[in-house]
N, C-alpha and C. Protein backbone atom coordinates (compact mmCIF):
# COMPACT_ATOMS: atom_id res chain seq x y z
N MET A 1 -36.23 -11.35 -31.12
CA MET A 1 -36.43 -11.41 -29.69
C MET A 1 -37.76 -10.74 -29.35
N THR A 2 -38.49 -11.32 -28.42
CA THR A 2 -39.78 -10.77 -28.05
C THR A 2 -39.64 -9.80 -26.89
N ASN A 3 -40.60 -8.90 -26.80
CA ASN A 3 -40.67 -7.94 -25.70
C ASN A 3 -41.10 -8.70 -24.45
N PRO A 4 -40.38 -8.58 -23.34
CA PRO A 4 -40.75 -9.33 -22.13
C PRO A 4 -42.11 -8.94 -21.57
N GLU A 5 -42.61 -7.77 -21.95
CA GLU A 5 -43.92 -7.33 -21.47
C GLU A 5 -45.06 -7.86 -22.33
N GLU A 6 -44.74 -8.37 -23.52
CA GLU A 6 -45.76 -8.92 -24.41
C GLU A 6 -46.23 -10.27 -23.86
N PRO A 7 -47.52 -10.56 -23.99
CA PRO A 7 -48.00 -11.88 -23.54
C PRO A 7 -47.37 -12.99 -24.39
N THR A 8 -46.97 -14.05 -23.73
CA THR A 8 -46.30 -15.16 -24.39
C THR A 8 -47.10 -16.43 -24.17
N ALA A 9 -47.50 -17.07 -25.26
CA ALA A 9 -48.26 -18.32 -25.18
C ALA A 9 -47.29 -19.48 -24.96
N ILE A 10 -47.72 -20.43 -24.11
CA ILE A 10 -46.90 -21.64 -23.96
C ILE A 10 -47.63 -22.89 -24.45
N SER A 11 -48.98 -22.82 -24.50
CA SER A 11 -49.72 -23.96 -25.04
C SER A 11 -51.10 -23.53 -25.48
N ILE A 12 -51.68 -24.35 -26.34
CA ILE A 12 -53.04 -24.14 -26.81
C ILE A 12 -53.73 -25.49 -26.82
N ASP A 13 -54.94 -25.52 -26.26
CA ASP A 13 -55.74 -26.73 -26.22
C ASP A 13 -57.02 -26.47 -27.00
N VAL A 14 -57.28 -27.30 -28.01
CA VAL A 14 -58.39 -27.10 -28.93
C VAL A 14 -59.52 -28.07 -28.61
N ASN A 15 -60.76 -27.57 -28.62
CA ASN A 15 -61.92 -28.46 -28.52
C ASN A 15 -62.96 -28.00 -29.54
N GLU A 16 -64.14 -28.59 -29.48
CA GLU A 16 -65.17 -28.33 -30.49
C GLU A 16 -65.68 -26.89 -30.48
N ARG A 17 -65.82 -26.28 -29.29
CA ARG A 17 -66.43 -24.94 -29.19
C ARG A 17 -65.44 -23.80 -29.14
N ASP A 18 -64.21 -24.08 -28.66
CA ASP A 18 -63.26 -22.99 -28.46
C ASP A 18 -61.85 -23.53 -28.36
N PHE A 19 -60.92 -22.62 -28.07
CA PHE A 19 -59.56 -23.06 -27.74
C PHE A 19 -59.14 -22.35 -26.47
N ILE A 20 -58.30 -23.05 -25.72
CA ILE A 20 -57.83 -22.52 -24.44
C ILE A 20 -56.36 -22.20 -24.59
N LEU A 21 -56.03 -20.96 -24.32
CA LEU A 21 -54.67 -20.46 -24.48
C LEU A 21 -54.06 -20.26 -23.10
N LEU A 22 -52.92 -20.89 -22.87
CA LEU A 22 -52.20 -20.75 -21.61
C LEU A 22 -50.99 -19.86 -21.85
N LEU A 23 -50.89 -18.80 -21.05
CA LEU A 23 -49.77 -17.87 -21.18
C LEU A 23 -48.67 -18.19 -20.19
N LYS A 24 -47.49 -17.71 -20.50
CA LYS A 24 -46.31 -17.95 -19.66
C LYS A 24 -46.51 -17.44 -18.24
N ASP A 25 -47.27 -16.34 -18.09
CA ASP A 25 -47.50 -15.77 -16.76
C ASP A 25 -48.57 -16.52 -15.96
N GLY A 26 -49.10 -17.62 -16.53
CA GLY A 26 -50.07 -18.45 -15.82
C GLY A 26 -51.53 -18.16 -16.14
N ARG A 27 -51.78 -17.07 -16.85
CA ARG A 27 -53.17 -16.76 -17.21
C ARG A 27 -53.65 -17.74 -18.28
N GLU A 28 -54.96 -18.02 -18.21
CA GLU A 28 -55.58 -18.93 -19.16
C GLU A 28 -56.80 -18.24 -19.75
N PHE A 29 -56.96 -18.32 -21.06
CA PHE A 29 -58.06 -17.67 -21.75
C PHE A 29 -58.79 -18.68 -22.62
N ARG A 30 -60.12 -18.65 -22.51
CA ARG A 30 -60.98 -19.49 -23.35
C ARG A 30 -61.49 -18.60 -24.49
N ILE A 31 -61.14 -18.97 -25.71
CA ILE A 31 -61.45 -18.15 -26.88
C ILE A 31 -62.43 -18.92 -27.77
N PRO A 32 -63.66 -18.43 -27.94
CA PRO A 32 -64.62 -19.14 -28.80
C PRO A 32 -64.25 -19.02 -30.28
N TRP A 33 -64.48 -20.09 -31.03
CA TRP A 33 -64.21 -20.09 -32.46
C TRP A 33 -65.00 -19.00 -33.19
N ARG A 34 -66.19 -18.67 -32.69
CA ARG A 34 -67.03 -17.70 -33.40
C ARG A 34 -66.39 -16.32 -33.50
N TRP A 35 -65.37 -16.05 -32.70
CA TRP A 35 -64.67 -14.78 -32.82
C TRP A 35 -63.81 -14.75 -34.09
N PHE A 36 -63.58 -15.91 -34.67
CA PHE A 36 -62.74 -16.01 -35.86
C PHE A 36 -63.49 -16.81 -36.92
N PRO A 37 -64.27 -16.13 -37.75
CA PRO A 37 -65.12 -16.83 -38.73
C PRO A 37 -64.37 -17.84 -39.59
N ARG A 38 -63.16 -17.52 -39.97
CA ARG A 38 -62.39 -18.46 -40.82
C ARG A 38 -62.07 -19.75 -40.05
N LEU A 39 -61.73 -19.63 -38.80
CA LEU A 39 -61.45 -20.82 -37.99
C LEU A 39 -62.74 -21.56 -37.67
N LEU A 40 -63.82 -20.82 -37.45
CA LEU A 40 -65.12 -21.44 -37.17
C LEU A 40 -65.56 -22.29 -38.36
N ALA A 41 -65.30 -21.82 -39.57
CA ALA A 41 -65.71 -22.54 -40.78
C ALA A 41 -64.80 -23.72 -41.10
N ALA A 42 -63.66 -23.80 -40.45
CA ALA A 42 -62.70 -24.87 -40.73
C ALA A 42 -63.19 -26.22 -40.20
N THR A 43 -62.60 -27.28 -40.71
CA THR A 43 -62.92 -28.61 -40.21
C THR A 43 -62.24 -28.81 -38.85
N PRO A 44 -62.71 -29.76 -38.06
CA PRO A 44 -62.03 -30.05 -36.78
C PRO A 44 -60.55 -30.39 -36.97
N ASP A 45 -60.22 -31.16 -38.02
CA ASP A 45 -58.82 -31.49 -38.27
C ASP A 45 -57.99 -30.25 -38.54
N GLN A 46 -58.55 -29.31 -39.32
CA GLN A 46 -57.83 -28.08 -39.61
C GLN A 46 -57.64 -27.24 -38.35
N ARG A 47 -58.66 -27.20 -37.49
CA ARG A 47 -58.54 -26.43 -36.24
C ARG A 47 -57.52 -27.06 -35.29
N ASN A 48 -57.48 -28.39 -35.28
CA ASN A 48 -56.56 -29.10 -34.38
C ASN A 48 -55.11 -28.95 -34.82
N ASP A 49 -54.88 -28.64 -36.08
CA ASP A 49 -53.53 -28.50 -36.60
C ASP A 49 -53.01 -27.09 -36.31
N VAL A 50 -52.77 -26.83 -35.04
CA VAL A 50 -52.32 -25.52 -34.59
C VAL A 50 -51.04 -25.68 -33.79
N ARG A 51 -50.20 -24.67 -33.88
CA ARG A 51 -48.97 -24.69 -33.08
C ARG A 51 -48.68 -23.28 -32.57
N VAL A 52 -47.98 -23.25 -31.45
CA VAL A 52 -47.52 -21.98 -30.89
C VAL A 52 -46.13 -21.74 -31.46
N SER A 53 -45.85 -20.52 -31.91
CA SER A 53 -44.53 -20.21 -32.47
C SER A 53 -43.46 -20.38 -31.39
N ALA A 54 -42.22 -20.54 -31.83
CA ALA A 54 -41.11 -20.74 -30.89
C ALA A 54 -41.00 -19.60 -29.89
N SER A 55 -41.32 -18.39 -30.31
CA SER A 55 -41.25 -17.24 -29.41
C SER A 55 -42.47 -17.13 -28.50
N GLY A 56 -43.54 -17.85 -28.84
CA GLY A 56 -44.79 -17.76 -28.08
C GLY A 56 -45.61 -16.53 -28.42
N ALA A 57 -45.19 -15.83 -29.48
CA ALA A 57 -45.88 -14.58 -29.85
C ALA A 57 -47.02 -14.81 -30.83
N GLU A 58 -47.08 -15.99 -31.48
CA GLU A 58 -48.10 -16.23 -32.49
C GLU A 58 -48.65 -17.65 -32.39
N LEU A 59 -49.87 -17.78 -32.90
CA LEU A 59 -50.51 -19.07 -33.07
C LEU A 59 -50.60 -19.31 -34.58
N HIS A 60 -50.25 -20.51 -35.03
CA HIS A 60 -50.24 -20.81 -36.47
C HIS A 60 -51.14 -22.00 -36.77
N TRP A 61 -52.07 -21.79 -37.70
CA TRP A 61 -52.88 -22.87 -38.26
C TRP A 61 -52.35 -23.06 -39.69
N ASP A 62 -51.37 -23.95 -39.84
CA ASP A 62 -50.67 -24.08 -41.11
C ASP A 62 -51.58 -24.49 -42.26
N GLN A 63 -52.49 -25.44 -42.05
CA GLN A 63 -53.38 -25.87 -43.13
C GLN A 63 -54.24 -24.72 -43.65
N LEU A 64 -54.57 -23.80 -42.78
CA LEU A 64 -55.46 -22.69 -43.13
C LEU A 64 -54.69 -21.41 -43.50
N HIS A 65 -53.37 -21.44 -43.33
CA HIS A 65 -52.55 -20.25 -43.54
C HIS A 65 -53.08 -19.10 -42.68
N GLU A 66 -53.41 -19.41 -41.44
CA GLU A 66 -53.98 -18.44 -40.50
C GLU A 66 -53.00 -18.26 -39.34
N ASN A 67 -52.67 -17.01 -39.06
CA ASN A 67 -51.78 -16.68 -37.95
C ASN A 67 -52.46 -15.64 -37.08
N ILE A 68 -52.36 -15.83 -35.78
CA ILE A 68 -52.94 -14.86 -34.84
C ILE A 68 -51.85 -14.45 -33.86
N ARG A 69 -51.64 -13.15 -33.76
CA ARG A 69 -50.67 -12.64 -32.79
C ARG A 69 -51.30 -12.69 -31.40
N VAL A 70 -50.57 -13.22 -30.46
CA VAL A 70 -51.06 -13.36 -29.09
C VAL A 70 -51.31 -11.99 -28.48
N SER A 71 -50.43 -11.02 -28.75
CA SER A 71 -50.62 -9.67 -28.19
C SER A 71 -51.92 -9.05 -28.70
N GLY A 72 -52.22 -9.23 -30.00
CA GLY A 72 -53.47 -8.71 -30.56
C GLY A 72 -54.68 -9.40 -29.97
N LEU A 73 -54.56 -10.70 -29.79
CA LEU A 73 -55.66 -11.47 -29.20
C LEU A 73 -55.93 -11.00 -27.78
N MET A 74 -54.90 -10.76 -27.01
CA MET A 74 -55.08 -10.31 -25.62
C MET A 74 -55.62 -8.87 -25.58
N ARG A 75 -55.20 -8.05 -26.54
CA ARG A 75 -55.71 -6.68 -26.62
C ARG A 75 -57.22 -6.68 -26.91
N ASP A 76 -57.65 -7.59 -27.78
CA ASP A 76 -59.05 -7.64 -28.19
C ASP A 76 -59.92 -8.49 -27.28
N TYR A 77 -59.32 -9.26 -26.38
CA TYR A 77 -60.07 -10.23 -25.58
C TYR A 77 -61.19 -9.58 -24.76
N GLU A 78 -60.85 -8.58 -23.97
CA GLU A 78 -61.87 -7.96 -23.10
C GLU A 78 -62.99 -7.27 -23.88
N PRO A 79 -62.69 -6.47 -24.92
CA PRO A 79 -63.80 -5.89 -25.69
C PRO A 79 -64.69 -6.95 -26.35
N LEU A 80 -64.09 -8.01 -26.87
CA LEU A 80 -64.89 -9.07 -27.50
C LEU A 80 -65.74 -9.80 -26.46
N LEU A 81 -65.16 -10.04 -25.29
CA LEU A 81 -65.90 -10.71 -24.22
C LEU A 81 -67.06 -9.83 -23.75
N LEU A 82 -66.82 -8.53 -23.61
CA LEU A 82 -67.88 -7.59 -23.23
C LEU A 82 -68.98 -7.59 -24.29
N GLU A 83 -68.58 -7.56 -25.57
CA GLU A 83 -69.55 -7.57 -26.66
C GLU A 83 -70.42 -8.83 -26.59
N GLU A 84 -69.78 -9.96 -26.36
CA GLU A 84 -70.52 -11.21 -26.28
C GLU A 84 -71.45 -11.23 -25.06
N THR A 85 -70.98 -10.75 -23.93
CA THR A 85 -71.79 -10.71 -22.71
C THR A 85 -73.02 -9.84 -22.91
N LEU A 86 -72.84 -8.67 -23.51
CA LEU A 86 -73.98 -7.79 -23.77
C LEU A 86 -74.95 -8.42 -24.76
N SER A 87 -74.41 -9.05 -25.80
CA SER A 87 -75.27 -9.69 -26.81
C SER A 87 -76.12 -10.79 -26.21
N LEU A 88 -75.58 -11.52 -25.25
CA LEU A 88 -76.33 -12.62 -24.64
C LEU A 88 -77.49 -12.11 -23.78
N GLN A 89 -77.41 -10.87 -23.31
CA GLN A 89 -78.47 -10.33 -22.47
C GLN A 89 -79.67 -9.82 -23.28
N VAL A 90 -79.44 -9.52 -24.55
CA VAL A 90 -80.50 -8.98 -25.40
C VAL A 90 -81.28 -10.15 -26.01
N PRO A 91 -82.61 -10.15 -25.90
CA PRO A 91 -83.38 -11.24 -26.48
C PRO A 91 -83.17 -11.35 -27.99
N ASN A 92 -83.22 -12.57 -28.49
CA ASN A 92 -82.99 -12.81 -29.92
C ASN A 92 -83.99 -12.09 -30.81
N ASP A 93 -85.21 -11.85 -30.28
CA ASP A 93 -86.22 -11.22 -31.13
C ASP A 93 -86.10 -9.69 -31.17
N PHE A 94 -85.18 -9.12 -30.39
CA PHE A 94 -85.01 -7.66 -30.44
C PHE A 94 -84.31 -7.30 -31.74
N PRO A 95 -84.82 -6.27 -32.45
CA PRO A 95 -84.26 -5.95 -33.77
C PRO A 95 -82.79 -5.53 -33.72
N TRP A 96 -82.09 -5.98 -34.72
CA TRP A 96 -80.69 -5.60 -34.90
C TRP A 96 -80.59 -5.09 -36.32
N GLU A 97 -80.73 -3.81 -36.48
CA GLU A 97 -80.73 -3.22 -37.81
C GLU A 97 -79.30 -3.19 -38.35
N THR A 98 -79.01 -4.08 -39.28
CA THR A 98 -77.67 -4.13 -39.85
C THR A 98 -77.63 -3.59 -41.26
N THR A 99 -78.74 -3.07 -41.75
CA THR A 99 -78.75 -2.51 -43.09
C THR A 99 -77.92 -1.23 -43.09
N PRO A 100 -76.86 -1.20 -43.87
CA PRO A 100 -76.04 0.00 -43.86
C PRO A 100 -76.73 1.15 -44.57
N ALA A 101 -76.35 2.33 -44.18
CA ALA A 101 -76.88 3.52 -44.86
C ALA A 101 -76.20 3.65 -46.21
N SER A 102 -76.93 4.13 -47.18
CA SER A 102 -76.32 4.38 -48.48
C SER A 102 -76.08 5.88 -48.60
N LEU A 103 -75.03 6.21 -49.28
CA LEU A 103 -74.64 7.61 -49.41
C LEU A 103 -74.81 8.05 -50.85
N ALA A 104 -75.17 9.29 -51.03
CA ALA A 104 -75.39 9.84 -52.37
C ALA A 104 -74.06 10.01 -53.09
N GLY A 105 -74.16 10.00 -54.39
CA GLY A 105 -72.97 10.22 -55.21
C GLY A 105 -73.05 9.45 -56.50
N ALA A 106 -72.06 9.65 -57.35
CA ALA A 106 -72.04 8.99 -58.65
C ALA A 106 -71.85 7.48 -58.49
N GLN A 107 -71.04 7.08 -57.55
CA GLN A 107 -70.80 5.66 -57.28
C GLN A 107 -71.56 5.25 -56.02
N PRO A 108 -72.18 4.08 -56.02
CA PRO A 108 -72.88 3.64 -54.80
C PRO A 108 -71.88 3.46 -53.66
N LYS A 109 -72.28 3.90 -52.49
CA LYS A 109 -71.43 3.80 -51.31
C LYS A 109 -72.28 3.32 -50.14
N LEU A 110 -71.66 2.58 -49.25
CA LEU A 110 -72.33 2.16 -48.03
C LEU A 110 -71.62 2.78 -46.84
N ALA A 111 -72.39 3.15 -45.85
CA ALA A 111 -71.81 3.77 -44.66
C ALA A 111 -71.48 2.69 -43.63
N VAL A 112 -70.24 2.68 -43.20
CA VAL A 112 -69.79 1.82 -42.12
C VAL A 112 -68.98 2.69 -41.17
N ARG A 113 -68.77 2.18 -39.98
CA ARG A 113 -67.95 2.90 -39.00
C ARG A 113 -66.75 2.05 -38.65
N SER A 114 -65.64 2.70 -38.39
CA SER A 114 -64.45 2.00 -37.91
C SER A 114 -64.41 2.18 -36.40
N ILE A 115 -64.55 1.08 -35.68
CA ILE A 115 -64.54 1.10 -34.22
C ILE A 115 -63.52 0.08 -33.74
N GLY A 116 -62.50 0.56 -33.04
CA GLY A 116 -61.49 -0.34 -32.51
C GLY A 116 -60.79 -1.15 -33.59
N GLY A 117 -60.57 -0.54 -34.74
CA GLY A 117 -59.88 -1.24 -35.82
C GLY A 117 -60.74 -2.20 -36.61
N ARG A 118 -62.04 -2.23 -36.33
CA ARG A 118 -62.96 -3.11 -37.08
C ARG A 118 -64.03 -2.26 -37.74
N PHE A 119 -64.47 -2.68 -38.91
CA PHE A 119 -65.56 -2.00 -39.59
C PHE A 119 -66.87 -2.54 -39.05
N VAL A 120 -67.76 -1.63 -38.67
CA VAL A 120 -69.05 -2.01 -38.07
C VAL A 120 -70.17 -1.46 -38.94
N VAL A 121 -71.09 -2.34 -39.29
CA VAL A 121 -72.29 -1.96 -40.03
C VAL A 121 -73.44 -2.07 -39.04
N GLY A 122 -74.22 -1.03 -38.90
CA GLY A 122 -75.34 -1.06 -37.96
C GLY A 122 -74.87 -0.83 -36.53
N LEU A 123 -75.62 -1.40 -35.60
CA LEU A 123 -75.34 -1.19 -34.18
C LEU A 123 -74.25 -2.13 -33.67
N THR A 124 -73.44 -1.63 -32.76
CA THR A 124 -72.52 -2.50 -32.04
C THR A 124 -73.32 -3.25 -30.99
N ALA A 125 -72.72 -4.25 -30.38
CA ALA A 125 -73.41 -4.99 -29.32
C ALA A 125 -73.76 -4.06 -28.16
N ALA A 126 -72.86 -3.14 -27.83
CA ALA A 126 -73.13 -2.21 -26.72
C ALA A 126 -74.28 -1.27 -27.07
N GLU A 127 -74.31 -0.78 -28.32
CA GLU A 127 -75.39 0.11 -28.74
C GLU A 127 -76.73 -0.64 -28.77
N ARG A 128 -76.70 -1.88 -29.26
CA ARG A 128 -77.93 -2.67 -29.31
C ARG A 128 -78.43 -2.96 -27.89
N PHE A 129 -77.51 -3.27 -26.97
CA PHE A 129 -77.88 -3.50 -25.57
C PHE A 129 -78.54 -2.25 -25.00
N GLU A 130 -77.96 -1.10 -25.28
CA GLU A 130 -78.50 0.17 -24.77
C GLU A 130 -79.91 0.42 -25.32
N ARG A 131 -80.12 0.16 -26.62
CA ARG A 131 -81.45 0.34 -27.23
C ARG A 131 -82.45 -0.64 -26.61
N TRP A 132 -82.04 -1.91 -26.43
CA TRP A 132 -82.93 -2.91 -25.82
C TRP A 132 -83.26 -2.52 -24.38
N ASP A 133 -82.26 -2.10 -23.62
CA ASP A 133 -82.47 -1.73 -22.22
C ASP A 133 -83.47 -0.58 -22.12
N MET A 134 -83.35 0.40 -23.02
CA MET A 134 -84.28 1.52 -23.03
C MET A 134 -85.69 1.04 -23.38
N CYS A 135 -85.80 0.17 -24.40
CA CYS A 135 -87.12 -0.33 -24.81
C CYS A 135 -87.74 -1.21 -23.72
N GLU A 136 -86.95 -2.04 -23.08
CA GLU A 136 -87.45 -2.89 -22.00
C GLU A 136 -87.93 -2.04 -20.84
N ASP A 137 -87.16 -1.01 -20.48
CA ASP A 137 -87.56 -0.12 -19.39
C ASP A 137 -88.86 0.61 -19.75
N LEU A 138 -88.96 1.05 -20.99
CA LEU A 138 -90.16 1.74 -21.43
C LEU A 138 -91.37 0.80 -21.39
N ALA A 139 -91.19 -0.44 -21.82
CA ALA A 139 -92.29 -1.41 -21.77
C ALA A 139 -92.75 -1.62 -20.33
N GLN A 140 -91.81 -1.74 -19.41
CA GLN A 140 -92.15 -1.92 -17.99
C GLN A 140 -92.93 -0.71 -17.46
N GLN A 141 -92.50 0.49 -17.86
CA GLN A 141 -93.18 1.70 -17.41
C GLN A 141 -94.57 1.84 -18.03
N LEU A 142 -94.75 1.29 -19.21
CA LEU A 142 -96.04 1.41 -19.89
C LEU A 142 -97.11 0.44 -19.36
N VAL A 143 -96.71 -0.57 -18.61
CA VAL A 143 -97.69 -1.53 -18.08
C VAL A 143 -98.75 -0.80 -17.26
N PRO A 144 -98.39 -0.04 -16.20
CA PRO A 144 -99.44 0.63 -15.42
C PRO A 144 -100.20 1.69 -16.24
N LYS A 145 -99.50 2.37 -17.14
CA LYS A 145 -100.18 3.39 -17.96
C LYS A 145 -101.20 2.74 -18.89
N THR A 146 -100.86 1.58 -19.44
CA THR A 146 -101.78 0.87 -20.33
C THR A 146 -102.99 0.36 -19.56
N LEU A 147 -102.74 -0.17 -18.37
CA LEU A 147 -103.85 -0.65 -17.53
C LEU A 147 -104.75 0.51 -17.12
N LYS A 148 -104.15 1.65 -16.83
CA LYS A 148 -104.93 2.84 -16.47
C LYS A 148 -105.78 3.29 -17.66
N ASP A 149 -105.19 3.28 -18.86
CA ASP A 149 -105.93 3.67 -20.06
C ASP A 149 -107.08 2.69 -20.32
N ALA A 150 -106.82 1.40 -20.11
CA ALA A 150 -107.86 0.38 -20.32
C ALA A 150 -109.01 0.56 -19.33
N ALA A 151 -108.67 0.94 -18.08
CA ALA A 151 -109.72 1.16 -17.07
C ALA A 151 -110.50 2.45 -17.36
N LYS A 152 -109.82 3.46 -17.88
CA LYS A 152 -110.47 4.74 -18.18
C LYS A 152 -111.42 4.60 -19.36
N TYR A 153 -111.07 3.75 -20.33
CA TYR A 153 -111.89 3.55 -21.52
C TYR A 153 -112.25 2.06 -21.64
N PRO A 154 -113.14 1.57 -20.78
CA PRO A 154 -113.46 0.14 -20.78
C PRO A 154 -114.15 -0.33 -22.07
N GLU A 155 -114.70 0.61 -22.82
CA GLU A 155 -115.35 0.23 -24.08
C GLU A 155 -114.33 -0.16 -25.16
N ASN A 156 -113.05 0.22 -24.97
CA ASN A 156 -112.01 -0.11 -25.95
C ASN A 156 -111.53 -1.56 -25.73
N SER A 157 -111.30 -2.25 -26.83
CA SER A 157 -110.72 -3.60 -26.74
C SER A 157 -109.24 -3.46 -26.37
N ARG A 158 -108.63 -4.57 -26.04
CA ARG A 158 -107.20 -4.55 -25.72
C ARG A 158 -106.39 -4.07 -26.93
N GLU A 159 -106.79 -4.50 -28.11
CA GLU A 159 -106.08 -4.09 -29.33
C GLU A 159 -106.16 -2.58 -29.53
N VAL A 160 -107.33 -2.01 -29.28
CA VAL A 160 -107.48 -0.55 -29.41
C VAL A 160 -106.60 0.16 -28.38
N THR A 161 -106.57 -0.36 -27.17
CA THR A 161 -105.73 0.23 -26.12
C THR A 161 -104.26 0.16 -26.53
N LEU A 162 -103.83 -0.98 -27.07
CA LEU A 162 -102.44 -1.10 -27.50
C LEU A 162 -102.13 -0.17 -28.67
N ARG A 163 -103.07 0.00 -29.57
CA ARG A 163 -102.87 0.94 -30.68
C ARG A 163 -102.73 2.37 -30.15
N ARG A 164 -103.51 2.69 -29.11
CA ARG A 164 -103.39 4.03 -28.50
C ARG A 164 -101.99 4.21 -27.90
N MET A 165 -101.48 3.17 -27.25
CA MET A 165 -100.13 3.24 -26.68
C MET A 165 -99.09 3.39 -27.79
N LYS A 166 -99.29 2.66 -28.88
CA LYS A 166 -98.36 2.73 -30.01
C LYS A 166 -98.32 4.15 -30.58
N ARG A 167 -99.48 4.76 -30.77
CA ARG A 167 -99.51 6.13 -31.28
C ARG A 167 -98.78 7.09 -30.33
N ALA A 168 -98.97 6.88 -29.04
CA ALA A 168 -98.29 7.74 -28.06
C ALA A 168 -96.77 7.58 -28.16
N ILE A 169 -96.31 6.34 -28.30
CA ILE A 169 -94.87 6.09 -28.42
C ILE A 169 -94.34 6.70 -29.72
N GLU A 170 -95.06 6.48 -30.81
CA GLU A 170 -94.63 7.04 -32.10
C GLU A 170 -94.58 8.56 -32.05
N GLY A 171 -95.49 9.17 -31.32
CA GLY A 171 -95.50 10.63 -31.19
C GLY A 171 -94.27 11.16 -30.49
N LYS A 172 -93.71 10.38 -29.58
CA LYS A 172 -92.50 10.81 -28.85
C LYS A 172 -91.23 10.61 -29.68
N GLN A 173 -91.29 9.70 -30.66
CA GLN A 173 -90.14 9.39 -31.52
C GLN A 173 -88.92 8.93 -30.72
N TRP A 174 -89.17 8.15 -29.68
CA TRP A 174 -88.09 7.61 -28.87
C TRP A 174 -87.47 6.38 -29.51
N THR A 175 -88.27 5.67 -30.30
CA THR A 175 -87.83 4.38 -30.84
C THR A 175 -88.00 4.37 -32.35
N SER A 176 -87.25 3.48 -32.98
CA SER A 176 -87.41 3.29 -34.43
C SER A 176 -88.69 2.49 -34.66
N VAL A 177 -89.08 2.35 -35.91
CA VAL A 177 -90.30 1.62 -36.25
C VAL A 177 -90.22 0.17 -35.75
N VAL A 178 -89.10 -0.49 -36.03
CA VAL A 178 -88.97 -1.90 -35.62
C VAL A 178 -88.87 -2.03 -34.10
N GLU A 179 -88.26 -1.07 -33.44
CA GLU A 179 -88.20 -1.09 -31.97
C GLU A 179 -89.59 -0.88 -31.38
N THR A 180 -90.38 0.00 -31.98
CA THR A 180 -91.75 0.23 -31.50
C THR A 180 -92.57 -1.05 -31.62
N ASP A 181 -92.43 -1.74 -32.74
CA ASP A 181 -93.15 -3.01 -32.92
C ASP A 181 -92.74 -4.02 -31.86
N TRP A 182 -91.43 -4.11 -31.59
CA TRP A 182 -90.95 -5.03 -30.55
C TRP A 182 -91.50 -4.62 -29.19
N LEU A 183 -91.45 -3.33 -28.90
CA LEU A 183 -91.92 -2.80 -27.62
C LEU A 183 -93.39 -3.16 -27.39
N LEU A 184 -94.21 -3.02 -28.43
CA LEU A 184 -95.64 -3.34 -28.30
C LEU A 184 -95.85 -4.83 -28.03
N GLU A 185 -95.08 -5.67 -28.71
CA GLU A 185 -95.18 -7.12 -28.45
C GLU A 185 -94.72 -7.45 -27.03
N ARG A 186 -93.69 -6.75 -26.57
CA ARG A 186 -93.20 -6.95 -25.19
C ARG A 186 -94.25 -6.50 -24.20
N LEU A 187 -94.90 -5.38 -24.47
CA LEU A 187 -95.96 -4.88 -23.61
C LEU A 187 -97.12 -5.87 -23.56
N ARG A 188 -97.48 -6.41 -24.71
CA ARG A 188 -98.54 -7.41 -24.79
C ARG A 188 -98.18 -8.63 -23.90
N THR A 189 -96.93 -9.04 -23.95
CA THR A 189 -96.47 -10.18 -23.14
C THR A 189 -96.53 -9.85 -21.65
N LEU A 190 -96.05 -8.66 -21.29
CA LEU A 190 -96.05 -8.26 -19.88
C LEU A 190 -97.47 -8.18 -19.32
N LEU A 191 -98.41 -7.79 -20.16
CA LEU A 191 -99.81 -7.66 -19.74
C LEU A 191 -100.60 -8.98 -19.85
N ASN A 192 -99.96 -9.99 -20.45
CA ASN A 192 -100.64 -11.26 -20.74
C ASN A 192 -101.89 -11.03 -21.60
N TRP A 193 -101.77 -10.16 -22.58
CA TRP A 193 -102.88 -9.83 -23.48
C TRP A 193 -102.71 -10.60 -24.75
């Protein structure tokens, strides 16, 4: 018997990009395949071969031997949606350092973090958004400072002026090396240089 407070699925509608889950309480959720790499990699026929369990507590993809609990999906829905929303706001060219840290010892080890029951290597979407937002804000603030520096030293080329800005940023150690490189390219774009 299922808990009456648990979300209960009554139907699932599958299409090319996602699946739509209808709950007994009338709520409807659009779930992208990319949240489930195994389902994303499946063929359309395998994805279409899905059924809701008799209790409405699980979704079953029999050909793939894949089961998803509806309660777990609903628990993870908002954090995953927030992660996706934040990721879409960050430009594709902004660095996403996913190289894990290595730890000393007799056996090689990689550093990962457990966040919300998932292992995360590198930055989360929220952390990456925060880093991008800081770099974008800094680039915007540097536009007038760069123009002022260029006017103060007219003998310097634009490249020399940008190198001076880069040294100033590096001196503050606000950004990583790859973030500084991105920031300088963003500054160049904002200045139309």
